[in-house]
Amino acid sequence: MRYSTANAPSYGCGASANGKKCAGVAMKADPLEAWVTARFLQAFGHREVLQYVEELPEVAALADVEAAISATATKMTTTMLTLTRWHRG
């Protein structure tokens, strides 16, 4: 994508950027994109469109889970310290 002096988006040959010869073909983006859109919809517009939406759990629910994990980890640590002290006598 490039922009003309009138700041209009256009497509053109990018071969010269790679040191190759270019035929100088360029066209305005708006009519090309309208044509591509029309052709695409003509070919595939009759098909069903699906949109996948990922739903994240509520933040409050995550906080509850994190609190439960923290409480369990604390109990496990306390239990391990108690067992270590008991084992050492």
N, C-alpha and C. Protein backbone atom coordinates (compact mmCIF):
# COMPACT_ATOMS: atom_id res chain seq x y z
N MET A 1 0.87 -1.16 0.00
CA MET A 1 0.00 0.00 0.00
C MET A 1 0.91 1.22 0.00
N ARG A 2 0.58 2.13 -0.83
CA ARG A 2 1.30 3.40 -0.87
C ARG A 2 0.28 4.52 -0.97
N TYR A 3 0.72 5.72 -0.85
CA TYR A 3 -0.18 6.86 -0.90
C TYR A 3 0.28 7.82 -2.00
N SER A 4 -0.69 8.32 -2.74
CA SER A 4 -0.39 9.26 -3.82
C SER A 4 -0.11 10.64 -3.24
N THR A 5 0.24 11.56 -4.12
CA THR A 5 0.48 12.93 -3.66
C THR A 5 -0.78 13.55 -3.08
N ALA A 6 -1.95 13.05 -3.49
CA ALA A 6 -3.22 13.53 -2.93
C ALA A 6 -3.58 12.76 -1.66
N ASN A 7 -2.63 11.96 -1.17
CA ASN A 7 -2.79 11.14 0.03
C ASN A 7 -3.88 10.08 -0.12
N ALA A 8 -4.11 9.64 -1.35
CA ALA A 8 -5.09 8.59 -1.62
C ALA A 8 -4.36 7.24 -1.61
N PRO A 9 -4.89 6.25 -0.89
CA PRO A 9 -4.23 4.95 -0.88
C PRO A 9 -4.26 4.30 -2.26
N SER A 10 -3.17 3.65 -2.62
CA SER A 10 -3.10 2.97 -3.91
C SER A 10 -2.20 1.75 -3.80
N TYR A 11 -2.33 0.86 -4.75
CA TYR A 11 -1.47 -0.32 -4.85
C TYR A 11 -0.59 -0.15 -6.08
N GLY A 12 0.64 -0.57 -5.96
CA GLY A 12 1.54 -0.47 -7.11
C GLY A 12 2.59 -1.56 -7.05
N CYS A 13 3.36 -1.62 -8.08
CA CYS A 13 4.43 -2.61 -8.20
C CYS A 13 5.51 -2.30 -7.17
N GLY A 14 5.90 -3.29 -6.42
CA GLY A 14 6.95 -3.10 -5.41
C GLY A 14 8.28 -3.67 -5.85
N ALA A 15 8.39 -4.06 -7.11
CA ALA A 15 9.62 -4.68 -7.59
C ALA A 15 10.81 -3.74 -7.48
N SER A 16 10.60 -2.45 -7.70
CA SER A 16 11.73 -1.53 -7.67
C SER A 16 12.36 -1.46 -6.28
N ALA A 17 11.61 -1.75 -5.24
CA ALA A 17 12.16 -1.78 -3.89
C ALA A 17 13.16 -2.90 -3.73
N ASN A 18 13.06 -3.93 -4.59
CA ASN A 18 13.98 -5.06 -4.55
C ASN A 18 15.03 -4.96 -5.66
N GLY A 19 15.14 -3.79 -6.28
CA GLY A 19 16.14 -3.60 -7.32
C GLY A 19 15.75 -4.19 -8.67
N LYS A 20 14.49 -4.52 -8.85
CA LYS A 20 14.03 -5.10 -10.11
C LYS A 20 13.27 -4.05 -10.91
N LYS A 21 13.10 -4.32 -12.20
CA LYS A 21 12.35 -3.41 -13.05
C LYS A 21 10.85 -3.57 -12.77
N CYS A 22 10.16 -2.45 -12.88
CA CYS A 22 8.73 -2.44 -12.62
C CYS A 22 8.02 -1.85 -13.82
N ALA A 23 6.88 -2.44 -14.18
CA ALA A 23 6.12 -1.95 -15.33
C ALA A 23 5.41 -0.64 -15.03
N GLY A 24 5.44 -0.21 -13.78
CA GLY A 24 4.82 1.05 -13.42
C GLY A 24 3.32 0.96 -13.21
N VAL A 25 2.83 -0.23 -12.99
CA VAL A 25 1.39 -0.41 -12.78
C VAL A 25 1.03 0.06 -11.38
N ALA A 26 -0.01 0.87 -11.28
CA ALA A 26 -0.53 1.33 -9.99
C ALA A 26 -2.01 1.59 -10.15
N MET A 27 -2.75 1.39 -9.10
CA MET A 27 -4.18 1.68 -9.14
C MET A 27 -4.66 2.13 -7.77
N LYS A 28 -5.71 2.93 -7.78
CA LYS A 28 -6.28 3.42 -6.54
C LYS A 28 -6.85 2.25 -5.75
N ALA A 29 -6.66 2.31 -4.44
CA ALA A 29 -7.08 1.21 -3.58
C ALA A 29 -8.59 1.07 -3.48
N ASP A 30 -9.31 2.17 -3.38
CA ASP A 30 -10.77 2.11 -3.15
C ASP A 30 -11.51 1.34 -4.23
N PRO A 31 -11.33 1.65 -5.53
CA PRO A 31 -12.06 0.89 -6.54
C PRO A 31 -11.62 -0.57 -6.62
N LEU A 32 -10.32 -0.82 -6.41
CA LEU A 32 -9.83 -2.20 -6.45
C LEU A 32 -10.44 -3.01 -5.31
N GLU A 33 -10.45 -2.45 -4.11
CA GLU A 33 -11.01 -3.15 -2.96
C GLU A 33 -12.51 -3.36 -3.11
N ALA A 34 -13.21 -2.41 -3.71
CA ALA A 34 -14.65 -2.58 -3.97
C ALA A 34 -14.88 -3.72 -4.95
N TRP A 35 -14.04 -3.80 -5.98
CA TRP A 35 -14.16 -4.87 -6.97
C TRP A 35 -13.88 -6.23 -6.34
N VAL A 36 -12.80 -6.32 -5.55
CA VAL A 36 -12.44 -7.58 -4.89
C VAL A 36 -13.55 -8.00 -3.93
N THR A 37 -14.09 -7.05 -3.17
CA THR A 37 -15.18 -7.35 -2.24
C THR A 37 -16.40 -7.88 -2.97
N ALA A 38 -16.76 -7.23 -4.08
CA ALA A 38 -17.92 -7.68 -4.86
C ALA A 38 -17.71 -9.08 -5.40
N ARG A 39 -16.52 -9.36 -5.93
CA ARG A 39 -16.23 -10.69 -6.47
C ARG A 39 -16.25 -11.75 -5.37
N PHE A 40 -15.69 -11.42 -4.22
CA PHE A 40 -15.67 -12.35 -3.10
C PHE A 40 -17.10 -12.67 -2.65
N LEU A 41 -17.91 -11.63 -2.47
CA LEU A 41 -19.28 -11.85 -2.03
C LEU A 41 -20.11 -12.59 -3.07
N GLN A 42 -19.81 -12.35 -4.35
CA GLN A 42 -20.50 -13.07 -5.41
C GLN A 42 -20.18 -14.56 -5.33
N ALA A 43 -18.94 -14.88 -5.02
CA ALA A 43 -18.52 -16.28 -4.96
C ALA A 43 -18.88 -16.95 -3.64
N PHE A 44 -18.78 -16.22 -2.52
CA PHE A 44 -18.93 -16.86 -1.21
C PHE A 44 -20.00 -16.24 -0.33
N GLY A 45 -20.69 -15.22 -0.80
CA GLY A 45 -21.67 -14.51 0.02
C GLY A 45 -22.84 -15.35 0.48
N HIS A 46 -23.12 -16.44 -0.19
CA HIS A 46 -24.25 -17.29 0.17
C HIS A 46 -23.93 -18.22 1.35
N ARG A 47 -22.66 -18.31 1.70
CA ARG A 47 -22.27 -19.23 2.78
C ARG A 47 -22.54 -18.61 4.15
N GLU A 48 -22.78 -19.51 5.11
CA GLU A 48 -23.04 -19.07 6.48
C GLU A 48 -21.75 -18.52 7.09
N VAL A 49 -21.89 -17.46 7.83
CA VAL A 49 -20.75 -16.85 8.50
C VAL A 49 -20.83 -17.21 9.98
N LEU A 50 -19.75 -17.73 10.50
CA LEU A 50 -19.68 -18.06 11.92
C LEU A 50 -18.68 -17.14 12.59
N GLN A 51 -19.01 -16.72 13.77
CA GLN A 51 -18.10 -15.91 14.54
C GLN A 51 -17.91 -16.58 15.89
N TYR A 52 -16.67 -16.91 16.20
CA TYR A 52 -16.36 -17.55 17.46
C TYR A 52 -16.06 -16.45 18.48
N VAL A 53 -16.74 -16.53 19.62
CA VAL A 53 -16.56 -15.55 20.68
C VAL A 53 -16.10 -16.29 21.91
N GLU A 54 -14.96 -15.89 22.40
CA GLU A 54 -14.43 -16.51 23.61
C GLU A 54 -14.88 -15.69 24.81
N GLU A 55 -15.52 -16.36 25.73
CA GLU A 55 -15.98 -15.67 26.93
C GLU A 55 -15.06 -16.03 28.08
N LEU A 56 -14.57 -15.01 28.75
CA LEU A 56 -13.70 -15.21 29.89
C LEU A 56 -14.54 -15.21 31.16
N PRO A 57 -14.12 -16.03 32.13
CA PRO A 57 -14.87 -16.04 33.39
C PRO A 57 -14.81 -14.66 34.05
N GLU A 58 -15.77 -14.40 34.89
CA GLU A 58 -15.81 -13.13 35.59
C GLU A 58 -14.58 -12.98 36.48
N VAL A 59 -14.11 -11.76 36.61
CA VAL A 59 -12.93 -11.49 37.41
C VAL A 59 -13.17 -11.88 38.86
N ALA A 60 -14.38 -11.65 39.37
CA ALA A 60 -14.70 -12.01 40.75
C ALA A 60 -14.53 -13.51 40.96
N ALA A 61 -14.94 -14.30 39.98
CA ALA A 61 -14.79 -15.75 40.10
C ALA A 61 -13.32 -16.13 40.11
N LEU A 62 -12.51 -15.44 39.33
CA LEU A 62 -11.07 -15.73 39.34
C LEU A 62 -10.46 -15.38 40.69
N ALA A 63 -10.91 -14.31 41.28
CA ALA A 63 -10.40 -13.92 42.60
C ALA A 63 -10.73 -15.00 43.63
N ASP A 64 -11.93 -15.58 43.54
CA ASP A 64 -12.32 -16.66 44.45
C ASP A 64 -11.42 -17.88 44.26
N VAL A 65 -11.13 -18.20 43.02
CA VAL A 65 -10.26 -19.36 42.74
C VAL A 65 -8.85 -19.10 43.28
N GLU A 66 -8.33 -17.89 43.05
CA GLU A 66 -7.00 -17.56 43.54
C GLU A 66 -6.95 -17.60 45.07
N ALA A 67 -8.00 -17.14 45.72
CA ALA A 67 -8.06 -17.18 47.19
C ALA A 67 -8.08 -18.61 47.69
N ALA A 68 -8.82 -19.48 47.01
CA ALA A 68 -8.89 -20.89 47.40
C ALA A 68 -7.53 -21.56 47.22
N ILE A 69 -6.85 -21.25 46.12
CA ILE A 69 -5.52 -21.83 45.88
C ILE A 69 -4.55 -21.36 46.95
N SER A 70 -4.60 -20.06 47.28
CA SER A 70 -3.71 -19.52 48.31
C SER A 70 -3.97 -20.17 49.66
N ALA A 71 -5.25 -20.34 50.02
CA ALA A 71 -5.60 -20.97 51.30
C ALA A 71 -5.11 -22.41 51.33
N THR A 72 -5.27 -23.12 50.23
CA THR A 72 -4.81 -24.52 50.16
C THR A 72 -3.30 -24.58 50.28
N ALA A 73 -2.59 -23.70 49.60
CA ALA A 73 -1.13 -23.69 49.68
C ALA A 73 -0.66 -23.39 51.10
N THR A 74 -1.35 -22.47 51.79
CA THR A 74 -1.00 -22.16 53.18
C THR A 74 -1.20 -23.37 54.07
N LYS A 75 -2.32 -24.07 53.91
CA LYS A 75 -2.59 -25.27 54.71
C LYS A 75 -1.54 -26.35 54.44
N MET A 76 -1.17 -26.49 53.16
CA MET A 76 -0.17 -27.51 52.81
C MET A 76 1.18 -27.17 53.44
N THR A 77 1.55 -25.88 53.41
CA THR A 77 2.82 -25.46 53.99
C THR A 77 2.81 -25.68 55.50
N THR A 78 1.71 -25.30 56.14
CA THR A 78 1.59 -25.48 57.59
C THR A 78 1.67 -26.96 57.96
N THR A 79 0.99 -27.78 57.18
CA THR A 79 1.01 -29.23 57.43
C THR A 79 2.42 -29.77 57.25
N MET A 80 3.12 -29.35 56.22
CA MET A 80 4.49 -29.84 55.97
C MET A 80 5.43 -29.41 57.09
N LEU A 81 5.28 -28.16 57.58
CA LEU A 81 6.13 -27.70 58.69
C LEU A 81 5.85 -28.50 59.95
N THR A 82 4.57 -28.78 60.21
CA THR A 82 4.20 -29.57 61.39
C THR A 82 4.78 -30.97 61.29
N LEU A 83 4.65 -31.60 60.13
CA LEU A 83 5.18 -32.95 59.94
C LEU A 83 6.70 -32.97 60.03
N THR A 84 7.35 -31.95 59.52
CA THR A 84 8.82 -31.88 59.59
C THR A 84 9.27 -31.76 61.05
N ARG A 85 8.60 -30.90 61.79
CA ARG A 85 8.94 -30.74 63.23
C ARG A 85 8.68 -32.03 64.00
N TRP A 86 7.56 -32.70 63.71
CA TRP A 86 7.21 -33.94 64.38
C TRP A 86 8.24 -35.02 64.07
N HIS A 87 8.65 -35.07 62.79
CA HIS A 87 9.61 -36.09 62.35
C HIS A 87 10.97 -35.88 63.01
N ARG A 88 11.38 -34.64 63.18
CA ARG A 88 12.67 -34.35 63.78
C ARG A 88 12.63 -34.59 65.31
N GLY A 89 11.45 -34.55 65.87
CA GLY A 89 11.27 -34.82 67.28
C GLY A 89 11.57 -33.69 68.10
